[in-house]
Amino acid sequence: MLTETQNLEDYIEHSSIGRHETFTPRYGWLKKGYDATLLDGNVFKAPDAIEKLGVGKNMVRSIRFWCQAFKIIQADRTGFVSVTEFGRCLLDREGWDPYLEDIASLWLLHWQLFIPKLEAVNWCFAFNRNHLFSFDSKNLAKTLINASKKYPHLANLAEGTFEKDASCILRMYADSSNDTESEIDCPFTQLEIIRRAEEKNQFCFDNSEKTSLPPLIYAAACFSYIANYAGSKQKAISLNRLTFDFNSPGVAFKLSETASGENLRLAAEIVTGFSLVEQTGGIQIHLEKEPMELFWQALATYYKEQ
């Protein structure tokens, strides 16, 4: 069982804080980074990276960060990058959704931020530890700073680093169409997972039912969570854990236990290999296959239907 104070240190990518260069992921960036990596594993450190990617120097670093954070690419100790199996399945020319036209793919990518290695650990702190009904960028930054104090390599970072992450999180998910100083729209605002509150410059998490989140995508996230945090041999897990534990799908997607269970119930009607069982202590999800096998099965089934 993963808690914030137990073993999270093992999951954090230590050099990742602030590498988005204040940019949220923009339309086309992930596909651009994926395609460039296929052609040249040294593309992000090449002298002509700006020309190859067609963006500014800071944006080159940001594209690399987001591609790694979303698990589209991976880097070795020398900085050489390669595409991941997940990246190939999603963004290859014959992939599931190479141009991210389906909002389900954005939900899936959002989930990738919550599995190891945690390149965007402040996103995890924001979704797990910010319990304010409404908040602004400064409130959110304080949450991130307080959460980071438990980790030596994070505790000594300048507060400005956390303030930049807080600002990036809000701009990534909250609709800024009425903001005259907003940057190019970020596709993840479509998730409507953070919305503007009634008070000026205040925001809040939207805990309502997510009608744009397909049950199979949610189920895939649950299987991914089990594999990464409970173990590949896990055969049963409570709905409560999938909804409320640190970095659980329920927390990442801001869903109630009822909505979480309904998504899994609907997914179980489409794919085989798992079932929901009502017990005295609550609903249990029983797995007949290994969780990552179910993860790939759920995603393949969803995209095949589309």
Protein backbone atom coordinates (compact mmCIF):
# COMPACT_ATOMS: atom_id res chain seq x y z
CA MET A 1 0.00 0.00 0.00
CA LEU A 2 1.44 3.36 -1.04
CA THR A 3 1.23 6.31 1.27
CA GLU A 4 2.92 9.67 0.87
CA THR A 5 5.30 8.92 3.73
CA GLN A 6 6.06 5.32 2.79
CA ASN A 7 8.23 4.46 -0.21
CA LEU A 8 7.25 7.48 -2.34
CA GLU A 9 10.90 8.51 -2.35
CA ASP A 10 11.64 5.45 -4.49
CA TYR A 11 9.19 6.59 -7.14
CA ILE A 12 10.32 10.21 -7.54
CA GLU A 13 12.51 11.27 -10.43
CA HIS A 14 14.94 13.50 -8.51
CA SER A 15 15.98 15.83 -11.32
CA SER A 16 12.55 16.60 -12.69
CA ILE A 17 11.29 19.61 -10.73
CA GLY A 18 10.68 22.67 -12.88
CA ARG A 19 11.84 21.20 -16.17
CA HIS A 20 8.66 22.21 -17.96
CA GLU A 21 10.24 25.68 -18.24
CA THR A 22 6.83 27.14 -17.16
CA PHE A 23 5.18 25.84 -20.35
CA THR A 24 2.10 23.64 -20.23
CA PRO A 25 1.95 20.85 -22.84
CA ARG A 26 0.68 22.36 -26.08
CA TYR A 27 -1.21 20.91 -29.01
CA GLY A 28 1.13 18.82 -31.15
CA TRP A 29 4.08 18.80 -28.74
CA LEU A 30 3.88 15.15 -27.72
CA LYS A 31 3.62 13.93 -31.30
CA LYS A 32 6.47 16.25 -32.28
CA GLY A 33 8.67 14.93 -29.48
CA TYR A 34 7.75 11.33 -30.22
CA ASP A 35 8.51 11.60 -33.95
CA ALA A 36 11.79 13.42 -33.31
CA THR A 37 12.89 10.74 -30.84
CA LEU A 38 12.16 8.00 -33.37
CA LEU A 39 14.55 9.67 -35.79
CA ASP A 40 17.32 10.59 -33.36
CA GLY A 41 17.74 9.54 -29.74
CA ASN A 42 20.04 12.51 -29.18
CA VAL A 43 17.66 15.05 -30.65
CA PHE A 44 17.04 17.00 -27.44
CA LYS A 45 20.73 17.66 -26.83
CA ALA A 46 21.68 18.17 -30.47
CA PRO A 47 23.13 21.59 -31.39
CA ASP A 48 20.38 22.01 -33.98
CA ALA A 49 17.52 20.81 -31.74
CA ILE A 50 15.79 24.18 -32.17
CA GLU A 51 15.72 23.74 -35.94
CA LYS A 52 14.71 20.07 -35.80
CA LEU A 53 11.78 20.70 -33.46
CA GLY A 54 10.86 24.12 -34.78
CA VAL A 55 10.56 25.73 -31.35
CA GLY A 56 12.62 27.90 -29.00
CA LYS A 57 15.39 26.58 -26.74
CA ASN A 58 13.26 26.56 -23.60
CA MET A 59 10.45 24.82 -25.46
CA VAL A 60 12.85 22.05 -26.53
CA ARG A 61 13.49 21.29 -22.87
CA SER A 62 9.78 21.53 -22.10
CA ILE A 63 8.81 19.10 -24.87
CA ARG A 64 11.35 16.61 -23.55
CA PHE A 65 10.03 17.00 -20.00
CA TRP A 66 6.39 16.45 -20.98
CA CYS A 67 7.19 13.49 -23.22
CA GLN A 68 9.03 11.85 -20.32
CA ALA A 69 6.43 12.82 -17.72
CA PHE A 70 3.67 11.26 -19.84
CA LYS A 71 5.85 8.16 -20.39
CA ILE A 72 5.97 8.72 -24.17
CA ILE A 73 9.77 8.55 -24.17
CA GLN A 74 12.42 7.40 -21.70
CA ALA A 75 16.02 8.51 -21.17
CA ASP A 76 19.10 6.59 -20.09
CA ARG A 77 21.88 7.98 -17.91
CA THR A 78 23.66 9.51 -20.91
CA GLY A 79 20.59 11.47 -21.95
CA PHE A 80 19.87 9.26 -24.96
CA VAL A 81 16.11 8.98 -25.38
CA SER A 82 13.95 6.25 -26.88
CA VAL A 83 10.22 5.81 -27.32
CA THR A 84 8.32 3.60 -24.88
CA GLU A 85 5.89 0.82 -25.67
CA PHE A 86 3.10 3.08 -24.46
CA GLY A 87 4.33 5.87 -26.74
CA ARG A 88 4.39 3.54 -29.74
CA CYS A 89 0.90 2.24 -29.10
CA LEU A 90 -0.57 5.70 -28.73
CA LEU A 91 1.38 7.96 -31.10
CA ASP A 92 2.88 5.78 -33.84
CA ARG A 93 1.63 6.38 -37.37
CA GLU A 94 -0.66 3.37 -37.01
CA GLY A 95 -1.16 3.96 -33.29
CA TRP A 96 -4.34 4.35 -31.32
CA ASP A 97 -4.58 8.13 -31.52
CA PRO A 98 -1.42 9.74 -32.97
CA TYR A 99 -2.87 13.25 -33.04
CA LEU A 100 -4.72 13.01 -29.72
CA GLU A 101 -8.09 13.71 -31.26
CA ASP A 102 -9.96 11.60 -28.69
CA ILE A 103 -10.38 13.21 -25.25
CA ALA A 104 -9.97 9.72 -23.79
CA SER A 105 -6.30 9.91 -24.77
CA LEU A 106 -5.92 13.08 -22.70
CA TRP A 107 -7.41 11.30 -19.68
CA LEU A 108 -4.97 8.44 -20.27
CA LEU A 109 -2.00 10.81 -20.50
CA HIS A 110 -3.15 12.64 -17.38
CA TRP A 111 -3.04 9.32 -15.55
CA GLN A 112 0.53 8.69 -16.71
CA LEU A 113 1.69 11.57 -14.50
CA PHE A 114 0.77 9.52 -11.42
CA ILE A 115 2.80 6.38 -12.11
CA PRO A 116 6.57 5.92 -11.57
CA LYS A 117 8.89 7.49 -12.24
CA LEU A 118 7.15 10.59 -10.97
CA GLU A 119 8.63 13.23 -13.24
CA ALA A 120 5.94 15.71 -12.20
CA VAL A 121 5.81 15.00 -8.47
CA ASN A 122 4.20 18.36 -7.68
CA TRP A 123 1.20 17.30 -9.76
CA CYS A 124 0.86 14.36 -7.36
CA PHE A 125 1.13 16.63 -4.34
CA ALA A 126 -1.46 19.00 -5.82
CA PHE A 127 -4.06 16.30 -6.47
CA ASN A 128 -3.42 14.34 -3.27
CA ARG A 129 -2.68 16.99 -0.67
CA ASN A 130 -4.62 20.10 -1.66
CA HIS A 131 -7.88 19.79 0.29
CA LEU A 132 -8.92 23.44 0.10
CA PHE A 133 -12.42 24.05 -1.23
CA SER A 134 -11.05 26.85 -3.40
CA PHE A 135 -7.51 28.09 -3.91
CA ASP A 136 -5.32 30.38 -5.93
CA SER A 137 -1.80 29.87 -7.22
CA LYS A 138 -0.23 30.99 -3.92
CA ASN A 139 -2.41 28.62 -1.86
CA LEU A 140 -1.50 25.75 -4.16
CA ALA A 141 2.21 26.59 -3.99
CA LYS A 142 2.04 26.44 -0.17
CA THR A 143 0.51 22.97 -0.41
CA LEU A 144 3.35 21.82 -2.66
CA ILE A 145 6.01 23.32 -0.37
CA ASN A 146 4.54 21.70 2.73
CA ALA A 147 4.25 18.31 1.02
CA SER A 148 7.83 18.47 -0.23
CA LYS A 149 9.36 19.04 3.21
CA LYS A 150 9.30 15.29 3.90
CA TYR A 151 11.82 14.68 1.10
CA PRO A 152 15.41 15.94 1.58
CA HIS A 153 16.14 16.59 -2.10
CA LEU A 154 12.90 18.59 -2.46
CA ALA A 155 12.89 20.40 0.88
CA ASN A 156 15.77 22.73 -0.04
CA LEU A 157 14.39 23.89 -3.38
CA ALA A 158 13.57 27.57 -3.74
CA GLU A 159 9.94 28.46 -3.10
CA GLY A 160 9.81 30.04 -6.55
CA THR A 161 10.19 26.57 -8.07
CA PHE A 162 6.98 25.43 -6.40
CA GLU A 163 5.22 28.66 -7.33
CA LYS A 164 6.04 28.03 -10.99
CA ASP A 165 4.69 24.49 -10.76
CA ALA A 166 1.51 25.72 -9.07
CA SER A 167 0.97 28.25 -11.84
CA CYS A 168 1.63 25.60 -14.49
CA ILE A 169 -0.86 23.18 -12.94
CA LEU A 170 -3.63 25.78 -12.95
CA ARG A 171 -2.91 26.87 -16.52
CA MET A 172 -2.77 23.25 -17.65
CA TYR A 173 -6.20 22.24 -16.40
CA ALA A 174 -8.29 25.36 -15.82
CA ASP A 175 -10.00 27.10 -18.72
CA SER A 176 -8.15 30.36 -19.37
CA SER A 177 -10.18 31.49 -22.39
CA ASN A 178 -11.20 34.65 -20.56
CA ASP A 179 -7.67 35.44 -19.42
CA THR A 180 -6.16 38.15 -21.61
CA GLU A 181 -2.65 37.06 -20.59
CA SER A 182 -3.17 33.33 -21.15
CA GLU A 183 -0.80 31.35 -23.33
CA ILE A 184 -1.83 29.09 -26.18
CA ASP A 185 -4.64 26.84 -24.99
CA CYS A 186 -3.53 23.60 -23.37
CA PRO A 187 -5.52 20.54 -24.52
CA PHE A 188 -5.86 19.29 -20.94
CA THR A 189 -8.30 22.07 -20.09
CA GLN A 190 -10.83 19.87 -21.92
CA LEU A 191 -10.79 17.50 -18.95
CA GLU A 192 -12.41 20.21 -16.80
CA ILE A 193 -10.80 18.65 -13.75
CA ILE A 194 -9.94 22.06 -12.29
CA ARG A 195 -12.38 24.90 -12.79
CA ARG A 196 -12.67 28.52 -11.83
CA ALA A 197 -14.45 29.15 -8.54
CA GLU A 198 -16.95 31.93 -8.00
CA GLU A 199 -14.38 34.13 -6.26
CA LYS A 200 -12.03 36.08 -8.50
CA ASN A 201 -8.73 34.32 -9.26
CA GLN A 202 -9.87 31.27 -7.28
CA PHE A 203 -9.99 27.68 -8.53
CA CYS A 204 -11.34 24.35 -7.30
CA PHE A 205 -11.21 20.69 -8.22
CA ASP A 206 -14.31 19.44 -9.99
CA ASN A 207 -15.40 16.30 -8.14
CA SER A 208 -18.48 15.70 -10.25
CA GLU A 209 -19.03 12.77 -12.61
CA LYS A 210 -16.62 12.88 -15.56
CA THR A 211 -18.83 12.20 -18.58
CA SER A 212 -15.88 12.43 -21.00
CA LEU A 213 -13.94 9.70 -19.16
CA PRO A 214 -14.63 6.32 -20.77
CA PRO A 215 -15.03 3.41 -18.32
CA LEU A 216 -12.35 1.37 -20.12
CA ILE A 217 -9.82 4.18 -19.73
CA TYR A 218 -10.63 4.43 -16.03
CA ALA A 219 -10.34 0.67 -15.66
CA ALA A 220 -6.96 0.74 -17.43
CA ALA A 221 -5.77 3.35 -14.94
CA CYS A 222 -6.90 1.09 -12.09
CA PHE A 223 -4.96 -1.85 -13.48
CA SER A 224 -1.92 0.39 -13.95
CA TYR A 225 -2.20 1.57 -10.36
CA ILE A 226 -2.38 -1.99 -9.07
CA ALA A 227 0.68 -3.05 -11.09
CA ASN A 228 2.78 -0.05 -10.03
CA TYR A 229 1.77 0.34 -6.41
CA ALA A 230 0.25 -2.94 -5.23
CA GLY A 231 2.26 -5.46 -7.26
CA SER A 232 1.96 -7.39 -10.50
CA LYS A 233 0.81 -10.52 -8.64
CA GLN A 234 -2.02 -8.74 -6.83
CA LYS A 235 -5.27 -10.66 -7.27
CA ALA A 236 -7.69 -8.46 -5.34
CA ILE A 237 -7.96 -4.85 -4.23
CA SER A 238 -10.67 -2.80 -2.57
CA LEU A 239 -12.63 -0.15 -4.43
CA ASN A 240 -11.85 2.12 -1.49
CA ARG A 241 -8.11 1.91 -2.21
CA LEU A 242 -8.63 2.58 -5.92
CA THR A 243 -10.62 5.67 -5.02
CA PHE A 244 -8.81 7.22 -2.07
CA ASP A 245 -5.22 6.00 -1.75
CA PHE A 246 -2.30 8.27 -2.59
CA ASN A 247 -1.94 8.53 -6.39
CA SER A 248 -4.98 6.29 -6.91
CA PRO A 249 -7.16 6.73 -10.01
CA GLY A 250 -9.99 8.12 -7.90
CA VAL A 251 -7.70 10.88 -6.64
CA ALA A 252 -6.10 11.55 -10.03
CA PHE A 253 -9.47 11.80 -11.77
CA LYS A 254 -11.32 13.36 -8.81
CA LEU A 255 -14.05 10.72 -8.72
CA SER A 256 -16.29 9.55 -5.91
CA GLU A 257 -16.30 5.91 -4.82
CA THR A 258 -19.72 5.51 -6.44
CA ALA A 259 -18.50 6.86 -9.79
CA SER A 260 -15.33 4.80 -9.54
CA GLY A 261 -17.33 1.63 -8.97
CA GLU A 262 -19.76 2.40 -11.79
CA ASN A 263 -16.91 2.90 -14.26
CA LEU A 264 -15.40 -0.43 -13.29
CA ARG A 265 -18.78 -2.17 -13.44
CA LEU A 266 -19.34 -0.89 -16.99
CA ALA A 267 -15.80 -1.86 -18.01
CA ALA A 268 -16.34 -5.38 -16.65
CA GLU A 269 -19.25 -5.78 -19.06
CA ILE A 270 -16.90 -5.16 -22.00
CA VAL A 271 -13.62 -6.87 -21.11
CA THR A 272 -13.01 -10.15 -19.34
CA GLY A 273 -10.47 -10.97 -16.66
CA PHE A 274 -11.76 -9.10 -13.63
CA SER A 275 -14.92 -8.76 -11.61
CA LEU A 276 -16.48 -6.71 -8.82
CA VAL A 277 -17.47 -8.62 -5.70
CA GLU A 278 -19.54 -7.16 -2.89
CA GLN A 279 -18.25 -8.14 0.54
CA THR A 280 -18.95 -7.10 4.10
CA GLY A 281 -16.13 -4.56 4.11
CA GLY A 282 -17.11 -3.10 0.74
CA ILE A 283 -16.58 -3.85 -2.93
CA GLN A 284 -13.49 -5.80 -3.97
CA ILE A 285 -12.06 -5.99 -7.48
CA HIS A 286 -10.88 -9.52 -8.25
CA LEU A 287 -8.32 -10.03 -11.01
CA GLU A 288 -8.08 -13.24 -13.00
CA LYS A 289 -5.11 -11.97 -15.01
CA GLU A 290 -2.04 -9.90 -14.18
CA PRO A 291 -2.89 -6.20 -13.92
CA MET A 292 -0.68 -5.02 -16.79
CA GLU A 293 -2.21 -7.63 -19.08
CA LEU A 294 -5.61 -6.19 -18.19
CA PHE A 295 -4.24 -2.66 -18.72
CA TRP A 296 -3.26 -3.36 -22.32
CA GLN A 297 -6.42 -5.37 -22.93
CA ALA A 298 -8.67 -2.53 -21.75
CA LEU A 299 -6.86 0.05 -23.91
CA ALA A 300 -6.77 -2.17 -27.01
CA THR A 301 -10.47 -2.87 -26.64
CA TYR A 302 -11.36 0.79 -26.21
CA TYR A 303 -9.38 2.06 -29.20
CA LYS A 304 -10.45 -0.84 -31.41
CA GLU A 305 -14.08 0.13 -30.78
CA GLN A 306 -13.33 3.73 -31.69
